[in-house]
């Protein structure tokens, strides 16, 4: 869901702004138990 949001929200933005959105979407995954399960 975060990857979809980053692509949809950032693809029409200037790259700098798109990268900022990508970072915010990435941050959503860090506290998840799924990330720890993947590791």
ModelCIF file with pLDDT and N, C-alpha, C, O atoms, coordinates in Angstrom:
data_MODEL
#
_entry.id   MODEL 
#
_entity.id                         1 
_entity.type                       polymer 
_entity.pdbx_number_of_molecules   1 
#
_entity_poly.entity_id                      1 
_entity_poly.type                           'polypeptide(L)' 
_entity_poly.nstd_linkage                   no 
_entity_poly.nstd_monomer                   no 
_entity_poly.pdbx_seq_one_letter_code       
;(UNK)(UNK)(UNK)(UNK)(UNK)(UNK)(UNK)(UNK)(UNK)(UNK)(UNK)(UNK)(UNK)(UNK)(UNK)(UNK)
(UNK)(UNK)(UNK)(UNK)(UNK)(UNK)(UNK)(UNK)(UNK)(UNK)(UNK)(UNK)(UNK)(UNK)(UNK)(UNK)
(UNK)(UNK)(UNK)(UNK)(UNK)(UNK)(UNK)
;
_entity_poly.pdbx_seq_one_letter_code_can   XXXXXXXXXXXXXXXXXXXXXXXXXXXXXXXXXXXXXXX 
_entity_poly.pdbx_strand_id                 A 
#
loop_
_entity_poly_seq.entity_id 
_entity_poly_seq.num 
_entity_poly_seq.mon_id 
_entity_poly_seq.hetero 
1 1  UNK n 
1 2  UNK n 
1 3  UNK n 
1 4  UNK n 
1 5  UNK n 
1 6  UNK n 
1 7  UNK n 
1 8  UNK n 
1 9  UNK n 
1 10 UNK n 
1 11 UNK n 
1 12 UNK n 
1 13 UNK n 
1 14 UNK n 
1 15 UNK n 
1 16 UNK n 
1 17 UNK n 
1 18 UNK n 
1 19 UNK n 
1 20 UNK n 
1 21 UNK n 
1 22 UNK n 
1 23 UNK n 
1 24 UNK n 
1 25 UNK n 
1 26 UNK n 
1 27 UNK n 
1 28 UNK n 
1 29 UNK n 
1 30 UNK n 
1 31 UNK n 
1 32 UNK n 
1 33 UNK n 
1 34 UNK n 
1 35 UNK n 
1 36 UNK n 
1 37 UNK n 
1 38 UNK n 
1 39 UNK n 
#
_struct_asym.id          A 
_struct_asym.entity_id   1 
#
loop_
_ma_qa_metric.id 
_ma_qa_metric.mode 
_ma_qa_metric.name 
_ma_qa_metric.software_group_id 
_ma_qa_metric.type 
1 global pLDDT . pLDDT 
2 local  pLDDT . pLDDT 
#
_ma_qa_metric_global.metric_id      1 
_ma_qa_metric_global.metric_value   94.49 
_ma_qa_metric_global.model_id       1 
_ma_qa_metric_global.ordinal_id     1 
#
loop_
_ma_qa_metric_local.label_asym_id 
_ma_qa_metric_local.label_comp_id 
_ma_qa_metric_local.label_seq_id 
_ma_qa_metric_local.metric_id 
_ma_qa_metric_local.metric_value 
_ma_qa_metric_local.model_id 
_ma_qa_metric_local.ordinal_id 
A UNK 1  2 96.00 1 1  
A UNK 2  2 96.00 1 2  
A UNK 3  2 97.00 1 3  
A UNK 4  2 97.00 1 4  
A UNK 5  2 96.00 1 5  
A UNK 6  2 97.00 1 6  
A UNK 7  2 96.00 1 7  
A UNK 8  2 95.00 1 8  
A UNK 9  2 94.00 1 9  
A UNK 10 2 94.00 1 10 
A UNK 11 2 90.00 1 11 
A UNK 12 2 89.00 1 12 
A UNK 13 2 93.00 1 13 
A UNK 14 2 95.00 1 14 
A UNK 15 2 95.00 1 15 
A UNK 16 2 95.00 1 16 
A UNK 17 2 96.00 1 17 
A UNK 18 2 96.00 1 18 
A UNK 19 2 96.00 1 19 
A UNK 20 2 96.00 1 20 
A UNK 21 2 96.00 1 21 
A UNK 22 2 96.00 1 22 
A UNK 23 2 97.00 1 23 
A UNK 24 2 97.00 1 24 
A UNK 25 2 97.00 1 25 
A UNK 26 2 95.00 1 26 
A UNK 27 2 96.00 1 27 
A UNK 28 2 95.00 1 28 
A UNK 29 2 95.00 1 29 
A UNK 30 2 95.00 1 30 
A UNK 31 2 95.00 1 31 
A UNK 32 2 94.00 1 32 
A UNK 33 2 93.00 1 33 
A UNK 34 2 92.00 1 34 
A UNK 35 2 93.00 1 35 
A UNK 36 2 92.00 1 36 
A UNK 37 2 87.00 1 37 
A UNK 38 2 90.00 1 38 
A UNK 39 2 91.00 1 39 
#
loop_
_atom_site.group_PDB 
_atom_site.id 
_atom_site.type_symbol 
_atom_site.label_atom_id 
_atom_site.label_alt_id 
_atom_site.label_comp_id 
_atom_site.label_asym_id 
_atom_site.label_entity_id 
_atom_site.label_seq_id 
_atom_site.pdbx_PDB_ins_code 
_atom_site.Cartn_x 
_atom_site.Cartn_y 
_atom_site.Cartn_z 
_atom_site.occupancy 
_atom_site.B_iso_or_equiv 
_atom_site.pdbx_formal_charge 
_atom_site.auth_seq_id 
_atom_site.auth_comp_id 
_atom_site.auth_asym_id 
_atom_site.auth_atom_id 
_atom_site.pdbx_PDB_model_num 
ATOM 1   N N  . UNK A 1 1  ? 0.828  -1.206  0.000   1.00 96.00 ? 1  UNK A N  1 
ATOM 2   C CA . UNK A 1 1  ? 0.000  0.000   0.000   1.00 96.00 ? 1  UNK A CA 1 
ATOM 3   C C  . UNK A 1 1  ? 0.864  1.259   0.000   1.00 96.00 ? 1  UNK A C  1 
ATOM 4   O O  . UNK A 1 1  ? 0.542  2.239   -0.672  1.00 96.00 ? 1  UNK A O  1 
ATOM 5   N N  . UNK A 1 2  ? 1.963  1.231   0.756   1.00 96.00 ? 2  UNK A N  1 
ATOM 6   C CA . UNK A 1 2  ? 2.846  2.395   0.815   1.00 96.00 ? 2  UNK A CA 1 
ATOM 7   C C  . UNK A 1 2  ? 3.542  2.631   -0.530  1.00 96.00 ? 2  UNK A C  1 
ATOM 8   O O  . UNK A 1 2  ? 3.710  3.774   -0.955  1.00 96.00 ? 2  UNK A O  1 
ATOM 9   N N  . UNK A 1 3  ? 3.944  1.548   -1.191  1.00 97.00 ? 3  UNK A N  1 
ATOM 10  C CA . UNK A 1 3  ? 4.586  1.688   -2.508  1.00 97.00 ? 3  UNK A CA 1 
ATOM 11  C C  . UNK A 1 3  ? 3.606  2.257   -3.526  1.00 97.00 ? 3  UNK A C  1 
ATOM 12  O O  . UNK A 1 3  ? 3.965  3.118   -4.330  1.00 97.00 ? 3  UNK A O  1 
ATOM 13  N N  . UNK A 1 4  ? 2.365  1.772   -3.487  1.00 97.00 ? 4  UNK A N  1 
ATOM 14  C CA . UNK A 1 4  ? 1.344  2.300   -4.395  1.00 97.00 ? 4  UNK A CA 1 
ATOM 15  C C  . UNK A 1 4  ? 1.130  3.786   -4.144  1.00 97.00 ? 4  UNK A C  1 
ATOM 16  O O  . UNK A 1 4  ? 1.052  4.568   -5.091  1.00 97.00 ? 4  UNK A O  1 
ATOM 17  N N  . UNK A 1 5  ? 1.034  4.184   -2.877  1.00 96.00 ? 5  UNK A N  1 
ATOM 18  C CA . UNK A 1 5  ? 0.821  5.589   -2.543  1.00 96.00 ? 5  UNK A CA 1 
ATOM 19  C C  . UNK A 1 5  ? 1.994  6.450   -3.002  1.00 96.00 ? 5  UNK A C  1 
ATOM 20  O O  . UNK A 1 5  ? 1.797  7.571   -3.469  1.00 96.00 ? 5  UNK A O  1 
ATOM 21  N N  . UNK A 1 6  ? 3.214  5.929   -2.871  1.00 97.00 ? 6  UNK A N  1 
ATOM 22  C CA . UNK A 1 6  ? 4.390  6.691   -3.295  1.00 97.00 ? 6  UNK A CA 1 
ATOM 23  C C  . UNK A 1 6  ? 4.405  6.900   -4.808  1.00 97.00 ? 6  UNK A C  1 
ATOM 24  O O  . UNK A 1 6  ? 4.722  7.988   -5.288  1.00 97.00 ? 6  UNK A O  1 
ATOM 25  N N  . UNK A 1 7  ? 4.063  5.857   -5.548  1.00 96.00 ? 7  UNK A N  1 
ATOM 26  C CA . UNK A 1 7  ? 4.040  5.964   -7.008  1.00 96.00 ? 7  UNK A CA 1 
ATOM 27  C C  . UNK A 1 7  ? 2.939  6.905   -7.462  1.00 96.00 ? 7  UNK A C  1 
ATOM 28  O O  . UNK A 1 7  ? 3.176  7.811   -8.261  1.00 96.00 ? 7  UNK A O  1 
ATOM 29  N N  . UNK A 1 8  ? 1.720  6.685   -6.943  1.00 95.00 ? 8  UNK A N  1 
ATOM 30  C CA . UNK A 1 8  ? 0.583  7.493   -7.376  1.00 95.00 ? 8  UNK A CA 1 
ATOM 31  C C  . UNK A 1 8  ? 0.746  8.954   -6.982  1.00 95.00 ? 8  UNK A C  1 
ATOM 32  O O  . UNK A 1 8  ? 0.456  9.856   -7.769  1.00 95.00 ? 8  UNK A O  1 
ATOM 33  N N  . UNK A 1 9  ? 1.206  9.178   -5.772  1.00 94.00 ? 9  UNK A N  1 
ATOM 34  C CA . UNK A 1 9  ? 1.320  10.551  -5.295  1.00 94.00 ? 9  UNK A CA 1 
ATOM 35  C C  . UNK A 1 9  ? 2.525  11.287  -5.812  1.00 94.00 ? 9  UNK A C  1 
ATOM 36  O O  . UNK A 1 9  ? 2.512  12.515  -5.902  1.00 94.00 ? 9  UNK A O  1 
ATOM 37  N N  . UNK A 1 10 ? 3.586  10.549  -6.160  1.00 94.00 ? 10 UNK A N  1 
ATOM 38  C CA . UNK A 1 10 ? 4.833  11.206  -6.528  1.00 94.00 ? 10 UNK A CA 1 
ATOM 39  C C  . UNK A 1 10 ? 5.123  11.308  -7.998  1.00 94.00 ? 10 UNK A C  1 
ATOM 40  O O  . UNK A 1 10 ? 5.987  12.087  -8.400  1.00 94.00 ? 10 UNK A O  1 
ATOM 41  N N  . UNK A 1 11 ? 4.425  10.540  -8.822  1.00 90.00 ? 11 UNK A N  1 
ATOM 42  C CA . UNK A 1 11 ? 4.806  10.469  -10.241 1.00 90.00 ? 11 UNK A CA 1 
ATOM 43  C C  . UNK A 1 11 ? 4.603  11.779  -10.996 1.00 90.00 ? 11 UNK A C  1 
ATOM 44  O O  . UNK A 1 11 ? 5.269  12.017  -12.004 1.00 90.00 ? 11 UNK A O  1 
ATOM 45  N N  . UNK A 1 12 ? 3.701  12.627  -10.527 1.00 89.00 ? 12 UNK A N  1 
ATOM 46  C CA . UNK A 1 12 ? 3.472  13.915  -11.189 1.00 89.00 ? 12 UNK A CA 1 
ATOM 47  C C  . UNK A 1 12 ? 4.155  15.077  -10.477 1.00 89.00 ? 12 UNK A C  1 
ATOM 48  O O  . UNK A 1 12 ? 4.018  16.227  -10.895 1.00 89.00 ? 12 UNK A O  1 
ATOM 49  N N  . UNK A 1 13 ? 4.884  14.787  -9.412  1.00 93.00 ? 13 UNK A N  1 
ATOM 50  C CA . UNK A 1 13 ? 5.597  15.821  -8.668  1.00 93.00 ? 13 UNK A CA 1 
ATOM 51  C C  . UNK A 1 13 ? 7.002  16.017  -9.216  1.00 93.00 ? 13 UNK A C  1 
ATOM 52  O O  . UNK A 1 13 ? 7.533  15.112  -9.860  1.00 93.00 ? 13 UNK A O  1 
ATOM 53  N N  . UNK A 1 14 ? 7.623  17.172  -8.982  1.00 95.00 ? 14 UNK A N  1 
ATOM 54  C CA . UNK A 1 14 ? 9.065  17.287  -9.237  1.00 95.00 ? 14 UNK A CA 1 
ATOM 55  C C  . UNK A 1 14 ? 9.797  16.205  -8.451  1.00 95.00 ? 14 UNK A C  1 
ATOM 56  O O  . UNK A 1 14 ? 9.349  15.819  -7.371  1.00 95.00 ? 14 UNK A O  1 
ATOM 57  N N  . UNK A 1 15 ? 10.910 15.714  -8.973  1.00 95.00 ? 15 UNK A N  1 
ATOM 58  C CA . UNK A 1 15 ? 11.574 14.566  -8.357  1.00 95.00 ? 15 UNK A CA 1 
ATOM 59  C C  . UNK A 1 15 ? 11.909 14.810  -6.895  1.00 95.00 ? 15 UNK A C  1 
ATOM 60  O O  . UNK A 1 15 ? 11.776 13.904  -6.072  1.00 95.00 ? 15 UNK A O  1 
ATOM 61  N N  . UNK A 1 16 ? 12.340 16.016  -6.560  1.00 95.00 ? 16 UNK A N  1 
ATOM 62  C CA . UNK A 1 16 ? 12.694 16.294  -5.163  1.00 95.00 ? 16 UNK A CA 1 
ATOM 63  C C  . UNK A 1 16 ? 11.508 16.075  -4.240  1.00 95.00 ? 16 UNK A C  1 
ATOM 64  O O  . UNK A 1 16 ? 11.642 15.475  -3.173  1.00 95.00 ? 16 UNK A O  1 
ATOM 65  N N  . UNK A 1 17 ? 10.333 16.570  -4.661  1.00 96.00 ? 17 UNK A N  1 
ATOM 66  C CA . UNK A 1 17 ? 9.137  16.390  -3.853  1.00 96.00 ? 17 UNK A CA 1 
ATOM 67  C C  . UNK A 1 17 ? 8.694  14.926  -3.841  1.00 96.00 ? 17 UNK A C  1 
ATOM 68  O O  . UNK A 1 17 ? 8.217  14.419  -2.825  1.00 96.00 ? 17 UNK A O  1 
ATOM 69  N N  . UNK A 1 18 ? 8.859  14.256  -4.980  1.00 96.00 ? 18 UNK A N  1 
ATOM 70  C CA . UNK A 1 18 ? 8.524  12.843  -5.043  1.00 96.00 ? 18 UNK A CA 1 
ATOM 71  C C  . UNK A 1 18 ? 9.374  12.016  -4.102  1.00 96.00 ? 18 UNK A C  1 
ATOM 72  O O  . UNK A 1 18 ? 8.880  11.082  -3.470  1.00 96.00 ? 18 UNK A O  1 
ATOM 73  N N  . UNK A 1 19 ? 10.644 12.351  -4.005  1.00 96.00 ? 19 UNK A N  1 
ATOM 74  C CA . UNK A 1 19 ? 11.531 11.625  -3.100  1.00 96.00 ? 19 UNK A CA 1 
ATOM 75  C C  . UNK A 1 19 ? 11.166 11.868  -1.640  1.00 96.00 ? 19 UNK A C  1 
ATOM 76  O O  . UNK A 1 19 ? 11.310 10.982  -0.798  1.00 96.00 ? 19 UNK A O  1 
ATOM 77  N N  . UNK A 1 20 ? 10.691 13.077  -1.352  1.00 96.00 ? 20 UNK A N  1 
ATOM 78  C CA . UNK A 1 20 ? 10.231 13.351  0.015   1.00 96.00 ? 20 UNK A CA 1 
ATOM 79  C C  . UNK A 1 20 ? 9.012  12.497  0.339   1.00 96.00 ? 20 UNK A C  1 
ATOM 80  O O  . UNK A 1 20 ? 8.900  11.957  1.440   1.00 96.00 ? 20 UNK A O  1 
ATOM 81  N N  . UNK A 1 21 ? 8.099  12.376  -0.622  1.00 96.00 ? 21 UNK A N  1 
ATOM 82  C CA . UNK A 1 21 ? 6.934  11.522  -0.404  1.00 96.00 ? 21 UNK A CA 1 
ATOM 83  C C  . UNK A 1 21 ? 7.361  10.070  -0.241  1.00 96.00 ? 21 UNK A C  1 
ATOM 84  O O  . UNK A 1 21 ? 6.840  9.368   0.625   1.00 96.00 ? 21 UNK A O  1 
ATOM 85  N N  . UNK A 1 22 ? 8.291  9.618   -1.052  1.00 96.00 ? 22 UNK A N  1 
ATOM 86  C CA . UNK A 1 22 ? 8.787  8.250   -0.930  1.00 96.00 ? 22 UNK A CA 1 
ATOM 87  C C  . UNK A 1 22 ? 9.334  8.001   0.474   1.00 96.00 ? 22 UNK A C  1 
ATOM 88  O O  . UNK A 1 22 ? 9.087  6.947   1.060   1.00 96.00 ? 22 UNK A O  1 
ATOM 89  N N  . UNK A 1 23 ? 10.072 8.965   1.008   1.00 97.00 ? 23 UNK A N  1 
ATOM 90  C CA . UNK A 1 23 ? 10.639 8.802   2.347   1.00 97.00 ? 23 UNK A CA 1 
ATOM 91  C C  . UNK A 1 23 ? 9.536  8.683   3.399   1.00 97.00 ? 23 UNK A C  1 
ATOM 92  O O  . UNK A 1 23 ? 9.646  7.890   4.334   1.00 97.00 ? 23 UNK A O  1 
ATOM 93  N N  . UNK A 1 24 ? 8.479  9.470   3.243   1.00 97.00 ? 24 UNK A N  1 
ATOM 94  C CA . UNK A 1 24 ? 7.375  9.386   4.208   1.00 97.00 ? 24 UNK A CA 1 
ATOM 95  C C  . UNK A 1 24 ? 6.667  8.034   4.103   1.00 97.00 ? 24 UNK A C  1 
ATOM 96  O O  . UNK A 1 24 ? 6.277  7.452   5.116   1.00 97.00 ? 24 UNK A O  1 
ATOM 97  N N  . UNK A 1 25 ? 6.503  7.540   2.878   1.00 97.00 ? 25 UNK A N  1 
ATOM 98  C CA . UNK A 1 25 ? 5.871  6.235   2.701   1.00 97.00 ? 25 UNK A CA 1 
ATOM 99  C C  . UNK A 1 25 ? 6.758  5.114   3.236   1.00 97.00 ? 25 UNK A C  1 
ATOM 100 O O  . UNK A 1 25 ? 6.265  4.152   3.826   1.00 97.00 ? 25 UNK A O  1 
ATOM 101 N N  . UNK A 1 26 ? 8.063  5.240   3.029   1.00 95.00 ? 26 UNK A N  1 
ATOM 102 C CA . UNK A 1 26 ? 8.997  4.250   3.563   1.00 95.00 ? 26 UNK A CA 1 
ATOM 103 C C  . UNK A 1 26 ? 8.901  4.196   5.087   1.00 95.00 ? 26 UNK A C  1 
ATOM 104 O O  . UNK A 1 26 ? 8.938  3.124   5.692   1.00 95.00 ? 26 UNK A O  1 
ATOM 105 N N  . UNK A 1 27 ? 8.778  5.373   5.689   1.00 96.00 ? 27 UNK A N  1 
ATOM 106 C CA . UNK A 1 27 ? 8.736  5.443   7.148   1.00 96.00 ? 27 UNK A CA 1 
ATOM 107 C C  . UNK A 1 27 ? 7.534  4.688   7.718   1.00 96.00 ? 27 UNK A C  1 
ATOM 108 O O  . UNK A 1 27 ? 7.576  4.222   8.857   1.00 96.00 ? 27 UNK A O  1 
ATOM 109 N N  . UNK A 1 28 ? 6.476  4.567   6.936   1.00 95.00 ? 28 UNK A N  1 
ATOM 110 C CA . UNK A 1 28 ? 5.299  3.835   7.402   1.00 95.00 ? 28 UNK A CA 1 
ATOM 111 C C  . UNK A 1 28 ? 5.588  2.347   7.607   1.00 95.00 ? 28 UNK A C  1 
ATOM 112 O O  . UNK A 1 28 ? 4.918  1.687   8.401   1.00 95.00 ? 28 UNK A O  1 
ATOM 113 N N  . UNK A 1 29 ? 6.573  1.825   6.901   1.00 95.00 ? 29 UNK A N  1 
ATOM 114 C CA . UNK A 1 29 ? 6.879  0.396   6.988   1.00 95.00 ? 29 UNK A CA 1 
ATOM 115 C C  . UNK A 1 29 ? 7.813  0.050   8.150   1.00 95.00 ? 29 UNK A C  1 
ATOM 116 O O  . UNK A 1 29 ? 7.860  -1.099  8.590   1.00 95.00 ? 29 UNK A O  1 
ATOM 117 N N  . UNK A 1 30 ? 8.551  1.039   8.644   1.00 95.00 ? 30 UNK A N  1 
ATOM 118 C CA . UNK A 1 30 ? 9.594  0.745   9.633   1.00 95.00 ? 30 UNK A CA 1 
ATOM 119 C C  . UNK A 1 30 ? 9.068  0.185   10.951  1.00 95.00 ? 30 UNK A C  1 
ATOM 120 O O  . UNK A 1 30 ? 9.676  -0.746  11.479  1.00 95.00 ? 30 UNK A O  1 
ATOM 121 N N  . UNK A 1 31 ? 7.975  0.698   11.510  1.00 95.00 ? 31 UNK A N  1 
ATOM 122 C CA . UNK A 1 31 ? 7.522  0.175   12.808  1.00 95.00 ? 31 UNK A CA 1 
ATOM 123 C C  . UNK A 1 31 ? 6.664  -1.078  12.711  1.00 95.00 ? 31 UNK A C  1 
ATOM 124 O O  . UNK A 1 31 ? 6.114  -1.507  13.725  1.00 95.00 ? 31 UNK A O  1 
ATOM 125 N N  . UNK A 1 32 ? 6.524  -1.682  11.538  1.00 94.00 ? 32 UNK A N  1 
ATOM 126 C CA . UNK A 1 32 ? 5.599  -2.804  11.398  1.00 94.00 ? 32 UNK A CA 1 
ATOM 127 C C  . UNK A 1 32 ? 6.220  -4.120  11.842  1.00 94.00 ? 32 UNK A C  1 
ATOM 128 O O  . UNK A 1 32 ? 7.426  -4.333  11.721  1.00 94.00 ? 32 UNK A O  1 
ATOM 129 N N  . UNK A 1 33 ? 5.380  -4.982  12.349  1.00 93.00 ? 33 UNK A N  1 
ATOM 130 C CA . UNK A 1 33 ? 5.839  -6.330  12.692  1.00 93.00 ? 33 UNK A CA 1 
ATOM 131 C C  . UNK A 1 33 ? 6.130  -7.134  11.425  1.00 93.00 ? 33 UNK A C  1 
ATOM 132 O O  . UNK A 1 33 ? 6.933  -8.066  11.457  1.00 93.00 ? 33 UNK A O  1 
ATOM 133 N N  . UNK A 1 34 ? 5.488  -6.782  10.318  1.00 92.00 ? 34 UNK A N  1 
ATOM 134 C CA . UNK A 1 34 ? 5.774  -7.474  9.052   1.00 92.00 ? 34 UNK A CA 1 
ATOM 135 C C  . UNK A 1 34 ? 7.235  -7.308  8.652   1.00 92.00 ? 34 UNK A C  1 
ATOM 136 O O  . UNK A 1 34 ? 7.844  -8.245  8.135   1.00 92.00 ? 34 UNK A O  1 
ATOM 137 N N  . UNK A 1 35 ? 7.804  -6.126  8.884   1.00 93.00 ? 35 UNK A N  1 
ATOM 138 C CA . UNK A 1 35 ? 9.213  -5.910  8.525   1.00 93.00 ? 35 UNK A CA 1 
ATOM 139 C C  . UNK A 1 35 ? 10.124 -6.816  9.342   1.00 93.00 ? 35 UNK A C  1 
ATOM 140 O O  . UNK A 1 35 ? 11.089 -7.374  8.821   1.00 93.00 ? 35 UNK A O  1 
ATOM 141 N N  . UNK A 1 36 ? 9.811  -6.957  10.618  1.00 92.00 ? 36 UNK A N  1 
ATOM 142 C CA . UNK A 1 36 ? 10.612 -7.841  11.471  1.00 92.00 ? 36 UNK A CA 1 
ATOM 143 C C  . UNK A 1 36 ? 10.418 -9.299  11.066  1.00 92.00 ? 36 UNK A C  1 
ATOM 144 O O  . UNK A 1 36 ? 11.365 -10.085 11.096  1.00 92.00 ? 36 UNK A O  1 
ATOM 145 N N  . UNK A 1 37 ? 9.200  -9.656  10.691  1.00 87.00 ? 37 UNK A N  1 
ATOM 146 C CA . UNK A 1 37 ? 8.923  -11.014 10.228  1.00 87.00 ? 37 UNK A CA 1 
ATOM 147 C C  . UNK A 1 37 ? 9.700  -11.308 8.952   1.00 87.00 ? 37 UNK A C  1 
ATOM 148 O O  . UNK A 1 37 ? 10.207 -12.418 8.788   1.00 87.00 ? 37 UNK A O  1 
ATOM 149 N N  . UNK A 1 38 ? 9.804  -10.342 8.047   1.00 90.00 ? 38 UNK A N  1 
ATOM 150 C CA . UNK A 1 38 ? 10.556 -10.548 6.805   1.00 90.00 ? 38 UNK A CA 1 
ATOM 151 C C  . UNK A 1 38 ? 12.029 -10.797 7.099   1.00 90.00 ? 38 UNK A C  1 
ATOM 152 O O  . UNK A 1 38 ? 12.651 -11.653 6.469   1.00 90.00 ? 38 UNK A O  1 
ATOM 153 N N  . UNK A 1 39 ? 12.591 -10.058 8.049   1.00 91.00 ? 39 UNK A N  1 
ATOM 154 C CA . UNK A 1 39 ? 14.000 -10.256 8.420   1.00 91.00 ? 39 UNK A CA 1 
ATOM 155 C C  . UNK A 1 39 ? 14.206 -11.624 9.066   1.00 91.00 ? 39 UNK A C  1 
ATOM 156 O O  . UNK A 1 39 ? 15.327 -11.966 9.443   1.00 91.00 ? 39 UNK A O  1 
#
